[in-house]
Amino acid sequence: MFHRHKALLSLTVVLGLCLALVGCSGKITKANAEKISTGMTEDEVKAILGEPTTTADTDKAPAGKETGKAEKTGIKQVTWKSGTQTISISFKDGKVAAAPVTGGM
């Protein structure tokens, strides 16, 4: 009897983990990428795609001709990944700057 309960508990845990993984990866789709439009805020995008996998501040442009100093661009590159599927979005001043770039879809 004990082994039967243990097996049932193990099966329940495995099924729960599978459902959790499917729930997380289910947001990184071509259909969701197509919902993203220029001008959306980062919070609006997160509501569709969930929390990003990586964020990189690319906030420095090459040195300007006149000042010789690197200038701030206000651009942040944010990527969502699930398996081979990726969605990368550039944000400028907190808003989508261009259509998302997708891969593996």
Foldseek 3Di string as FASTA:
>chain_A
DVVVVVVVVVVVVVVVVVVVLCVLVVLLDPVLLVVADWFAFPVVNCVRNNAFPDKAQPQWDQQDPPPRDTHGFQWMWTWHDDVFWIWIFIDHVRTTHHRIDITDD
